N, C-alpha and C. Protein backbone atom coordinates (compact mmCIF):
# COMPACT_ATOMS: atom_id res chain seq x y z
N UNK A 1 111.33 108.06 96.59
CA UNK A 1 111.49 108.29 95.22
C UNK A 1 110.92 107.01 94.48
N UNK A 2 111.61 105.86 95.04
CA UNK A 2 111.53 104.65 94.32
C UNK A 2 110.06 104.23 94.45
N UNK A 3 109.43 104.29 95.58
CA UNK A 3 108.20 103.71 95.80
C UNK A 3 106.96 104.80 95.21
N UNK A 4 107.39 106.00 95.15
CA UNK A 4 106.55 107.12 94.41
C UNK A 4 106.42 106.58 92.89
N UNK A 5 107.84 106.29 92.40
CA UNK A 5 107.69 106.02 91.01
C UNK A 5 107.05 104.72 90.60
N UNK A 6 107.19 103.79 91.48
CA UNK A 6 106.52 102.53 91.42
C UNK A 6 104.86 102.69 91.37
N UNK A 7 104.65 103.43 92.23
CA UNK A 7 102.99 103.71 92.20
C UNK A 7 102.38 104.39 90.96
N UNK A 8 103.16 105.44 90.51
CA UNK A 8 102.89 106.01 89.13
C UNK A 8 102.78 104.97 88.11
N UNK A 9 104.04 104.12 87.90
CA UNK A 9 104.03 103.18 86.93
C UNK A 9 103.02 102.13 87.04
N UNK A 10 102.72 101.68 88.28
CA UNK A 10 101.71 100.74 88.57
C UNK A 10 100.35 101.14 88.20
N UNK A 11 100.13 102.44 88.41
CA UNK A 11 98.77 103.02 88.01
C UNK A 11 98.56 103.21 86.61
N UNK A 12 99.62 103.31 85.85
CA UNK A 12 99.38 103.50 84.34
C UNK A 12 99.48 102.05 83.61
N UNK A 13 99.84 101.11 84.20
CA UNK A 13 100.02 99.93 83.59
C UNK A 13 98.95 99.34 82.79
N UNK A 14 97.58 99.67 83.10
CA UNK A 14 96.37 99.22 82.25
C UNK A 14 96.21 99.99 81.06
N UNK A 15 96.96 101.31 81.10
CA UNK A 15 96.82 102.02 80.02
C UNK A 15 97.77 101.68 78.90
N UNK A 16 98.92 101.20 79.23
CA UNK A 16 100.15 100.56 78.34
C UNK A 16 99.65 99.27 77.99
N UNK A 17 99.37 98.25 78.86
CA UNK A 17 99.00 96.90 78.55
C UNK A 17 97.68 96.57 79.42
N UNK A 18 96.40 96.52 78.69
CA UNK A 18 95.28 96.20 79.41
C UNK A 18 95.29 94.86 80.28
N UNK A 19 94.58 94.80 81.27
CA UNK A 19 94.60 93.51 81.86
C UNK A 19 94.27 92.24 80.91
N UNK A 20 95.18 91.43 80.70
CA UNK A 20 94.85 90.51 79.61
C UNK A 20 95.09 88.98 80.22
N UNK A 21 95.62 88.70 81.43
CA UNK A 21 96.14 87.48 81.80
C UNK A 21 95.15 86.87 83.01
N UNK A 22 94.24 87.59 83.53
CA UNK A 22 93.31 86.98 84.60
C UNK A 22 92.62 85.64 84.40
N UNK A 23 92.17 85.50 83.15
CA UNK A 23 91.56 84.21 82.73
C UNK A 23 92.73 83.01 82.84
N UNK A 24 93.77 83.38 82.13
CA UNK A 24 94.84 82.46 82.08
C UNK A 24 95.40 82.01 83.59
N UNK A 25 95.44 83.04 84.35
CA UNK A 25 95.93 82.73 85.79
C UNK A 25 94.86 81.91 86.56
N UNK A 26 93.56 82.14 86.21
CA UNK A 26 92.43 81.41 86.98
C UNK A 26 92.62 79.96 86.46
N UNK A 27 92.95 79.79 85.21
CA UNK A 27 93.06 78.28 84.66
C UNK A 27 94.42 77.60 85.35
N UNK A 28 95.38 78.28 85.49
CA UNK A 28 96.46 77.87 86.01
C UNK A 28 96.23 77.62 87.59
N UNK A 29 95.57 78.30 88.14
CA UNK A 29 95.16 78.28 89.66
C UNK A 29 94.50 76.82 89.75
N UNK A 30 93.51 76.79 89.03
CA UNK A 30 92.73 75.34 88.91
C UNK A 30 93.46 74.17 88.64
N UNK A 31 94.32 74.44 87.72
CA UNK A 31 95.33 73.25 87.42
C UNK A 31 96.35 72.72 88.65
N UNK A 32 96.62 73.70 89.28
CA UNK A 32 97.64 73.59 90.56
C UNK A 32 96.74 72.91 91.64
N UNK A 33 95.51 73.36 91.70
CA UNK A 33 94.74 72.81 92.81
C UNK A 33 93.67 71.73 92.45
N UNK A 34 93.94 71.17 91.34
CA UNK A 34 93.25 69.99 90.96
C UNK A 34 91.64 70.26 90.62
N UNK A 35 91.60 71.29 89.79
CA UNK A 35 90.29 71.51 89.54
C UNK A 35 89.47 72.59 90.36
N UNK A 36 89.95 72.82 91.45
CA UNK A 36 89.48 73.64 92.42
C UNK A 36 89.90 75.22 92.35
N UNK A 37 89.21 76.12 92.67
CA UNK A 37 89.80 77.39 92.92
C UNK A 37 90.37 77.53 94.13
N UNK A 38 91.57 78.11 94.29
CA UNK A 38 92.44 77.88 95.53
C UNK A 38 91.64 78.56 96.90
N UNK A 39 90.80 79.54 96.77
CA UNK A 39 90.24 79.98 97.78
C UNK A 39 89.21 79.10 98.43
N UNK A 40 88.79 78.23 97.65
CA UNK A 40 87.82 77.07 98.11
C UNK A 40 88.52 76.19 99.22
N UNK A 41 89.88 75.93 98.85
CA UNK A 41 90.70 75.00 99.64
C UNK A 41 91.07 75.78 100.77
N UNK A 42 91.57 76.98 100.80
CA UNK A 42 92.10 77.73 101.86
C UNK A 42 90.73 78.01 102.89
N UNK A 43 89.59 78.27 102.29
CA UNK A 43 88.36 78.53 103.15
C UNK A 43 87.88 77.35 103.88
N UNK A 44 88.13 76.09 103.10
CA UNK A 44 87.87 75.00 103.95
C UNK A 44 88.75 74.57 105.02
N UNK A 45 89.92 75.25 104.95
CA UNK A 45 90.88 74.88 106.06
C UNK A 45 90.81 76.07 107.09
N UNK A 46 90.60 77.28 106.85
CA UNK A 46 90.39 78.43 107.87
C UNK A 46 89.61 79.42 107.30
N UNK A 47 88.42 79.20 106.99
CA UNK A 47 87.58 80.27 106.37
C UNK A 47 86.53 80.86 107.25
N UNK A 48 86.57 80.73 108.41
CA UNK A 48 85.67 81.45 109.49
C UNK A 48 86.00 82.86 109.50
N UNK A 49 85.19 83.67 110.05
CA UNK A 49 85.26 85.10 110.10
C UNK A 49 86.58 85.43 110.93
N UNK A 50 86.86 85.01 111.96
CA UNK A 50 88.15 85.26 112.69
C UNK A 50 89.49 84.94 111.98
N UNK A 51 89.50 83.81 111.64
CA UNK A 51 90.69 83.35 111.01
C UNK A 51 90.94 84.16 109.68
N UNK A 52 89.95 84.48 108.98
CA UNK A 52 90.25 85.22 107.72
C UNK A 52 90.62 86.89 108.24
N UNK A 53 90.08 87.30 109.45
CA UNK A 53 90.56 88.53 109.79
C UNK A 53 92.08 88.45 110.21
N UNK A 54 92.41 87.39 111.04
CA UNK A 54 93.87 87.04 111.35
C UNK A 54 94.80 87.05 110.01
N UNK A 55 94.46 86.36 109.10
CA UNK A 55 95.15 86.29 107.83
C UNK A 55 95.36 87.77 107.38
N UNK A 56 94.11 88.52 107.34
CA UNK A 56 94.34 89.79 106.81
C UNK A 56 95.26 90.56 107.47
N UNK A 57 95.41 90.25 108.69
CA UNK A 57 96.45 91.21 109.57
C UNK A 57 97.79 90.97 109.24
N UNK A 58 98.14 89.62 108.73
CA UNK A 58 99.39 89.24 108.31
C UNK A 58 99.70 90.03 106.95
N UNK A 59 98.66 90.23 106.11
CA UNK A 59 98.73 90.74 104.81
C UNK A 59 98.98 92.29 105.15
N UNK A 60 98.36 92.84 106.12
CA UNK A 60 98.52 94.31 106.39
C UNK A 60 99.88 94.58 107.08
N UNK A 61 100.38 93.67 107.89
CA UNK A 61 101.60 94.05 108.76
C UNK A 61 102.89 93.72 107.77
N UNK A 62 102.61 93.29 106.63
CA UNK A 62 103.61 93.26 105.68
C UNK A 62 104.08 94.42 105.37
N UNK A 63 103.38 95.56 105.44
CA UNK A 63 103.91 96.87 105.15
C UNK A 63 104.69 97.41 106.23
N UNK A 64 104.43 97.15 107.42
CA UNK A 64 105.46 97.40 108.60
C UNK A 64 106.51 96.68 108.51
N UNK A 65 106.52 95.40 108.14
CA UNK A 65 107.85 94.64 108.14
C UNK A 65 108.67 95.14 107.15
N UNK A 66 108.14 95.54 105.88
CA UNK A 66 108.81 96.21 104.81
C UNK A 66 109.75 97.40 105.14
N UNK A 67 108.80 98.37 105.97
CA UNK A 67 109.37 99.59 106.41
C UNK A 67 110.45 99.37 107.62
N UNK A 68 110.09 98.46 108.47
CA UNK A 68 111.00 98.11 109.47
C UNK A 68 112.33 97.50 108.96
N UNK A 69 112.39 96.70 108.00
CA UNK A 69 113.47 96.07 107.30
C UNK A 69 114.34 97.21 106.58
N UNK A 70 113.71 98.03 105.95
CA UNK A 70 114.43 99.15 105.26
C UNK A 70 115.19 100.05 106.31
N UNK A 71 114.39 100.40 107.33
CA UNK A 71 115.06 101.28 108.45
C UNK A 71 116.12 100.50 109.23
N UNK A 72 116.03 99.30 109.37
CA UNK A 72 117.05 98.54 110.13
C UNK A 72 118.25 98.59 109.34
N UNK A 73 118.28 98.03 108.02
CA UNK A 73 119.53 97.93 107.28
C UNK A 73 120.09 99.31 106.91
N UNK A 74 119.19 100.23 106.70
CA UNK A 74 119.69 101.69 106.55
C UNK A 74 120.49 102.38 107.72
N UNK A 75 120.00 102.00 108.89
CA UNK A 75 120.49 102.62 110.19
C UNK A 75 121.58 101.84 110.75
N UNK A 76 121.88 100.64 110.41
CA UNK A 76 123.13 99.80 110.85
C UNK A 76 124.12 99.90 109.91
N UNK A 77 125.01 100.99 110.30
CA UNK A 77 126.11 101.14 109.49
C UNK A 77 127.38 100.02 109.48
N UNK A 78 127.14 99.23 110.64
CA UNK A 78 127.99 98.05 110.60
C UNK A 78 127.69 96.95 109.77
N UNK A 79 126.54 97.14 109.10
CA UNK A 79 126.07 95.87 108.10
C UNK A 79 126.27 96.46 106.66
N UNK A 80 127.40 97.07 106.38
CA UNK A 80 127.67 97.66 105.02
C UNK A 80 127.24 96.61 103.94
N UNK A 81 127.65 95.45 103.99
CA UNK A 81 127.48 94.53 102.89
C UNK A 81 126.07 93.96 102.78
N UNK A 82 125.44 93.76 103.84
CA UNK A 82 124.12 93.34 103.83
C UNK A 82 123.31 94.47 103.39
N UNK A 83 123.49 95.78 104.00
CA UNK A 83 122.75 96.93 103.42
C UNK A 83 122.77 97.18 101.94
N UNK A 84 124.04 97.04 101.60
CA UNK A 84 124.22 97.34 99.95
C UNK A 84 123.42 96.27 99.28
N UNK A 85 123.61 94.85 99.64
CA UNK A 85 122.84 93.93 98.85
C UNK A 85 121.24 94.08 99.17
N UNK A 86 120.80 94.32 100.38
CA UNK A 86 119.43 94.40 100.52
C UNK A 86 118.69 95.53 99.83
N UNK A 87 119.46 96.83 99.88
CA UNK A 87 118.74 97.87 99.17
C UNK A 87 118.81 97.68 97.65
N UNK A 88 119.87 97.11 97.10
CA UNK A 88 119.88 96.96 95.77
C UNK A 88 118.79 95.92 95.25
N UNK A 89 118.71 94.77 95.98
CA UNK A 89 117.70 93.79 95.81
C UNK A 89 116.25 94.38 95.97
N UNK A 90 116.14 95.30 96.97
CA UNK A 90 114.98 95.87 97.30
C UNK A 90 114.44 96.60 96.11
N UNK A 91 115.51 97.57 95.60
CA UNK A 91 115.03 98.43 94.50
C UNK A 91 114.84 97.72 93.26
N UNK A 92 115.63 96.74 92.91
CA UNK A 92 115.37 95.84 91.83
C UNK A 92 113.99 95.14 91.78
N UNK A 93 113.67 94.65 93.06
CA UNK A 93 112.46 93.96 93.18
C UNK A 93 111.33 94.74 92.67
N UNK A 94 111.36 96.03 93.01
CA UNK A 94 110.24 96.87 92.65
C UNK A 94 110.35 97.38 91.20
N UNK A 95 111.49 97.48 90.56
CA UNK A 95 111.80 97.81 89.26
C UNK A 95 111.45 96.58 88.44
N UNK A 96 112.03 95.57 88.69
CA UNK A 96 111.98 94.37 87.66
C UNK A 96 110.73 93.68 87.95
N UNK A 97 110.41 93.30 89.16
CA UNK A 97 109.23 92.31 89.48
C UNK A 97 107.99 93.16 89.46
N UNK A 98 108.02 94.30 90.33
CA UNK A 98 106.78 95.14 90.49
C UNK A 98 106.35 96.01 89.30
N UNK A 99 107.36 96.27 88.49
CA UNK A 99 107.08 97.25 87.35
C UNK A 99 107.07 96.62 85.91
N UNK A 100 108.24 96.22 85.57
CA UNK A 100 108.30 95.42 84.41
C UNK A 100 107.51 94.14 84.12
N UNK A 101 107.92 93.49 85.17
CA UNK A 101 107.03 92.04 85.12
C UNK A 101 105.66 92.26 85.19
N UNK A 102 105.15 93.07 85.96
CA UNK A 102 103.72 93.44 86.13
C UNK A 102 103.20 93.89 84.74
N UNK A 103 104.05 94.62 84.13
CA UNK A 103 103.41 95.23 82.81
C UNK A 103 103.14 94.05 81.85
N UNK A 104 104.25 93.09 81.89
CA UNK A 104 104.28 91.89 80.77
C UNK A 104 102.98 90.97 81.32
N UNK A 105 102.73 90.85 82.61
CA UNK A 105 101.91 89.82 83.13
C UNK A 105 100.65 90.53 83.62
N UNK A 106 100.25 91.63 82.91
CA UNK A 106 99.22 92.48 83.53
C UNK A 106 97.87 91.68 83.66
N UNK A 107 97.49 91.79 85.05
CA UNK A 107 96.34 91.19 85.42
C UNK A 107 95.73 91.95 86.71
N UNK A 108 94.52 91.93 86.89
CA UNK A 108 93.83 92.74 87.80
C UNK A 108 93.52 91.92 89.10
N UNK A 109 93.43 90.64 89.23
CA UNK A 109 93.20 89.58 90.14
C UNK A 109 91.88 89.24 90.40
N UNK A 110 91.63 88.44 91.22
CA UNK A 110 90.17 87.74 91.54
C UNK A 110 89.23 88.68 91.98
N UNK A 111 89.66 89.74 92.61
CA UNK A 111 88.47 90.61 93.15
C UNK A 111 88.02 91.46 92.09
N UNK A 112 88.83 91.59 90.99
CA UNK A 112 88.24 92.48 89.88
C UNK A 112 88.10 91.61 88.58
N UNK A 113 87.85 90.26 88.69
CA UNK A 113 87.86 89.36 87.50
C UNK A 113 86.85 89.67 86.51
N UNK A 114 85.64 89.87 86.83
CA UNK A 114 84.55 90.12 85.91
C UNK A 114 84.69 91.52 85.24
N UNK A 115 85.09 92.55 86.04
CA UNK A 115 85.37 93.73 85.27
C UNK A 115 86.63 93.60 84.36
N UNK A 116 87.68 92.94 84.87
CA UNK A 116 88.91 92.92 84.00
C UNK A 116 88.79 92.06 82.69
N UNK A 117 87.95 91.03 82.87
CA UNK A 117 87.78 89.94 81.66
C UNK A 117 86.56 90.41 80.81
N UNK A 118 85.54 91.16 81.45
CA UNK A 118 84.42 91.35 80.69
C UNK A 118 83.45 90.04 80.45
N UNK A 119 83.95 89.09 81.18
CA UNK A 119 83.06 87.84 81.22
C UNK A 119 82.42 87.56 82.51
N UNK A 120 81.87 86.48 82.70
CA UNK A 120 81.19 86.04 83.97
C UNK A 120 82.45 86.07 85.18
N UNK A 121 81.78 86.54 86.18
CA UNK A 121 82.71 86.80 87.45
C UNK A 121 82.76 85.30 88.12
N UNK A 122 83.76 84.51 87.88
CA UNK A 122 83.80 83.26 88.40
C UNK A 122 84.18 83.35 90.05
N UNK A 123 84.55 84.74 90.35
CA UNK A 123 84.96 84.83 91.73
C UNK A 123 84.07 85.58 92.57
N UNK A 124 82.90 85.73 91.98
CA UNK A 124 81.74 86.23 92.74
C UNK A 124 81.42 85.47 94.10
N UNK A 125 81.42 84.20 94.00
CA UNK A 125 81.04 83.50 95.41
C UNK A 125 82.25 83.67 96.34
N UNK A 126 83.41 84.03 96.02
CA UNK A 126 84.53 84.37 96.84
C UNK A 126 84.16 85.68 97.51
N UNK A 127 83.86 86.71 96.58
CA UNK A 127 83.60 88.16 97.03
C UNK A 127 82.32 88.07 97.99
N UNK A 128 81.32 87.41 97.67
CA UNK A 128 80.14 87.24 98.40
C UNK A 128 80.46 86.56 99.83
N UNK A 129 81.33 85.63 99.74
CA UNK A 129 81.75 85.00 101.23
C UNK A 129 82.51 86.11 101.82
N UNK A 130 83.45 86.73 101.22
CA UNK A 130 84.25 87.79 102.13
C UNK A 130 83.24 88.89 102.53
N UNK A 131 82.26 89.22 101.77
CA UNK A 131 81.33 90.26 102.33
C UNK A 131 80.57 89.79 103.51
N UNK A 132 80.16 88.41 103.40
CA UNK A 132 79.42 87.90 104.58
C UNK A 132 80.37 87.64 105.73
N UNK A 133 81.63 87.44 105.64
CA UNK A 133 82.53 87.41 106.74
C UNK A 133 82.66 88.78 107.35
N UNK A 134 82.95 89.64 106.49
CA UNK A 134 83.02 91.07 106.83
C UNK A 134 81.83 91.61 107.75
N UNK A 135 80.46 91.23 107.42
CA UNK A 135 79.43 91.44 108.09
C UNK A 135 79.42 90.71 109.32
N UNK A 136 79.93 89.67 109.51
CA UNK A 136 80.05 88.79 110.82
C UNK A 136 80.98 89.59 111.64
N UNK A 137 82.13 89.96 111.16
CA UNK A 137 83.04 90.56 111.95
C UNK A 137 82.54 92.01 112.53
N UNK A 138 81.97 92.61 111.69
CA UNK A 138 81.33 94.05 112.11
C UNK A 138 80.36 93.72 113.24
N UNK A 139 79.61 92.63 113.29
CA UNK A 139 78.76 92.27 114.43
C UNK A 139 79.37 91.93 115.62
N UNK A 140 80.59 91.74 115.78
CA UNK A 140 81.34 91.22 116.82
C UNK A 140 81.67 92.45 117.93
N UNK A 141 81.88 92.16 118.93
CA UNK A 141 82.16 93.46 119.89
C UNK A 141 83.71 93.01 120.74
N UNK A 142 84.64 93.91 120.41
CA UNK A 142 84.57 95.13 119.59
C UNK A 142 84.33 94.81 118.02
N UNK A 143 83.87 95.61 117.23
CA UNK A 143 83.68 95.25 115.81
C UNK A 143 85.07 95.22 115.12
N UNK A 144 85.16 94.21 114.23
CA UNK A 144 86.32 94.14 113.36
C UNK A 144 85.78 94.29 111.91
N UNK A 145 86.73 94.27 110.79
CA UNK A 145 86.32 94.30 109.63
C UNK A 145 87.45 93.97 108.62
N UNK A 146 86.87 93.55 107.50
CA UNK A 146 87.93 93.26 106.52
C UNK A 146 88.34 94.51 105.70
N UNK A 147 89.46 95.05 106.07
CA UNK A 147 89.76 96.27 105.49
C UNK A 147 90.26 96.08 104.01
N UNK A 148 90.54 94.88 103.59
CA UNK A 148 90.98 94.55 102.17
C UNK A 148 89.72 94.98 101.30
N UNK A 149 88.45 94.61 101.69
CA UNK A 149 87.36 94.96 100.82
C UNK A 149 87.33 96.60 100.59
N UNK A 150 87.53 97.37 101.52
CA UNK A 150 87.46 98.79 101.34
C UNK A 150 88.69 99.15 100.55
N UNK A 151 89.92 98.55 100.62
CA UNK A 151 90.95 98.90 99.85
C UNK A 151 90.81 98.58 98.30
N UNK A 152 90.05 97.37 98.12
CA UNK A 152 89.86 97.00 96.67
C UNK A 152 88.88 98.12 96.20
N UNK A 153 87.64 98.66 96.89
CA UNK A 153 86.97 99.73 96.34
C UNK A 153 87.76 100.98 96.06
N UNK A 154 88.64 101.22 97.00
CA UNK A 154 89.41 102.41 96.95
C UNK A 154 90.45 102.32 95.67
N UNK A 155 90.90 101.34 95.32
CA UNK A 155 91.88 101.21 94.21
C UNK A 155 91.07 101.25 93.11
N UNK A 156 89.79 100.66 92.92
CA UNK A 156 89.07 100.60 91.73
C UNK A 156 88.56 102.13 91.37
N UNK A 157 88.12 102.77 92.48
CA UNK A 157 87.76 104.13 92.39
C UNK A 157 88.70 105.01 91.84
N UNK A 158 89.95 104.89 92.37
CA UNK A 158 91.03 105.67 91.87
C UNK A 158 91.45 105.42 90.36
N UNK A 159 91.30 104.22 90.09
CA UNK A 159 91.43 103.69 88.54
C UNK A 159 90.50 104.39 87.71
N UNK A 160 89.27 104.19 88.21
CA UNK A 160 88.08 104.65 87.31
C UNK A 160 88.16 106.18 87.20
N UNK A 161 88.65 106.95 88.08
CA UNK A 161 88.85 108.43 87.98
C UNK A 161 90.05 108.88 87.48
N UNK A 162 90.98 107.73 87.12
CA UNK A 162 92.39 108.24 86.48
C UNK A 162 93.24 108.86 87.33
N UNK A 163 92.93 108.67 88.63
CA UNK A 163 93.75 109.33 89.72
C UNK A 163 94.93 108.48 90.03
N UNK A 164 96.02 108.86 90.42
CA UNK A 164 97.21 108.30 90.88
C UNK A 164 97.47 108.69 92.33
N UNK A 165 97.31 107.69 93.16
CA UNK A 165 97.31 107.83 94.58
C UNK A 165 98.56 107.11 95.15
N UNK A 166 99.13 107.44 96.32
CA UNK A 166 100.30 106.74 96.77
C UNK A 166 99.79 105.39 97.11
N UNK A 167 100.45 104.29 96.89
CA UNK A 167 100.12 102.97 97.19
C UNK A 167 98.96 102.57 96.26
N UNK A 168 98.58 103.32 95.27
CA UNK A 168 97.53 102.82 94.38
C UNK A 168 97.96 102.06 93.14
N UNK A 169 97.06 101.96 92.17
CA UNK A 169 97.36 101.20 91.10
C UNK A 169 96.77 99.74 91.28
N UNK A 170 96.41 98.93 90.36
CA UNK A 170 95.75 97.57 90.28
C UNK A 170 96.88 96.74 89.44
N UNK A 171 97.40 95.84 90.25
CA UNK A 171 98.37 94.95 89.56
C UNK A 171 98.45 93.77 90.56
N UNK A 172 98.03 92.47 89.88
CA UNK A 172 98.05 91.25 90.73
C UNK A 172 99.20 90.42 90.53
N UNK A 173 99.80 90.46 89.39
CA UNK A 173 100.95 89.40 89.17
C UNK A 173 102.20 90.27 88.50
N UNK A 174 103.33 89.91 89.02
CA UNK A 174 103.65 89.02 90.16
C UNK A 174 103.45 89.85 91.34
N UNK A 175 103.34 89.15 92.60
CA UNK A 175 103.04 89.71 93.95
C UNK A 175 104.20 90.22 94.52
N UNK A 176 103.96 91.61 94.71
CA UNK A 176 105.21 92.35 95.53
C UNK A 176 105.14 91.94 97.07
N UNK A 177 103.89 91.47 97.48
CA UNK A 177 103.90 90.91 98.78
C UNK A 177 104.75 89.82 98.97
N UNK A 178 104.84 88.87 98.04
CA UNK A 178 105.58 87.63 98.15
C UNK A 178 106.92 87.98 97.93
N UNK A 179 107.23 88.85 97.01
CA UNK A 179 108.73 89.30 96.70
C UNK A 179 109.40 89.94 97.78
N UNK A 180 108.76 90.94 98.37
CA UNK A 180 109.26 91.48 99.46
C UNK A 180 109.33 90.69 100.86
N UNK A 181 108.45 89.91 101.10
CA UNK A 181 108.50 88.85 102.20
C UNK A 181 109.67 87.91 101.94
N UNK A 182 109.76 87.37 100.81
CA UNK A 182 111.06 86.51 100.68
C UNK A 182 112.32 87.27 100.62
N UNK A 183 112.33 88.46 100.27
CA UNK A 183 113.77 89.31 100.30
C UNK A 183 113.85 89.69 101.89
N UNK A 184 112.92 90.03 102.69
CA UNK A 184 113.10 90.19 104.20
C UNK A 184 113.68 88.82 104.78
N UNK A 185 113.06 87.74 104.39
CA UNK A 185 113.43 86.57 104.99
C UNK A 185 114.89 86.17 104.57
N UNK A 186 115.12 86.38 103.27
CA UNK A 186 116.62 86.25 103.07
C UNK A 186 117.56 86.79 103.64
N UNK A 187 117.26 88.25 103.84
CA UNK A 187 118.04 89.23 104.52
C UNK A 187 118.04 88.93 105.92
N UNK A 188 117.06 88.62 106.66
CA UNK A 188 117.03 88.22 107.92
C UNK A 188 118.03 86.74 108.16
N UNK A 189 117.92 85.86 107.25
CA UNK A 189 118.68 84.63 107.34
C UNK A 189 120.24 85.07 107.13
N UNK A 190 120.57 85.98 106.39
CA UNK A 190 121.86 86.54 106.13
C UNK A 190 122.49 87.08 107.66
N UNK A 191 121.50 87.81 108.31
CA UNK A 191 121.94 88.51 109.41
C UNK A 191 121.94 87.57 110.57
N UNK A 192 120.90 86.77 111.02
CA UNK A 192 120.83 85.83 112.09
C UNK A 192 120.03 84.66 111.42
N UNK A 193 120.40 83.38 111.60
CA UNK A 193 119.73 82.32 111.13
C UNK A 193 118.28 82.19 111.87
N UNK A 194 118.28 82.36 112.98
CA UNK A 194 117.06 82.16 113.61
C UNK A 194 115.89 83.27 113.25
N UNK A 195 116.59 84.45 113.06
CA UNK A 195 115.65 85.49 112.50
C UNK A 195 114.98 85.15 111.28
N UNK A 196 115.93 84.63 110.39
CA UNK A 196 115.37 84.16 108.85
C UNK A 196 114.39 83.21 109.12
N UNK A 197 114.59 82.21 110.03
CA UNK A 197 113.70 81.15 110.22
C UNK A 197 112.30 81.74 110.66
N UNK A 198 112.36 82.60 111.46
CA UNK A 198 111.15 83.25 112.06
C UNK A 198 110.44 83.92 110.94
């Protein structure tokens, strides 16, 4: 119920508050990274095809970590206090951070920058680089791919058609990936220090 409601709300955010902060977030990113786009720094450190694919796997497996953490605290009846805190914090994260804060900070993210701002697409070099890396991965044996590019197209198509699909909606800020990963780490730390560190 929570995640379904979150998907619906996330999908209608641009109808309530159009994407207005992408340009400002781009400027803030450049200030933090001394005038550079952050992707140029990360790609200089680990921007080859295989490294990019591995990073994508961490991004994808976040979903498994989220579901596992929910199942773990829900099924462990001996962890009543941790379970209550975790489920409350999890729910509030999606309500406060993922819904209301996303409405206030409405932005589409770098992959949709040109479309969202209506201006020059300053992230086209990044997207071009990712498409090149995807082509390199697909030429490997066995072939790999950057599923994130397909997901971006899927989310944009659903948005353009006005469809509400589970897990859909475009919202870049604040990041629920970061919020839930931090929540899982804090819960793991409360359960076992070594697990929290991991």
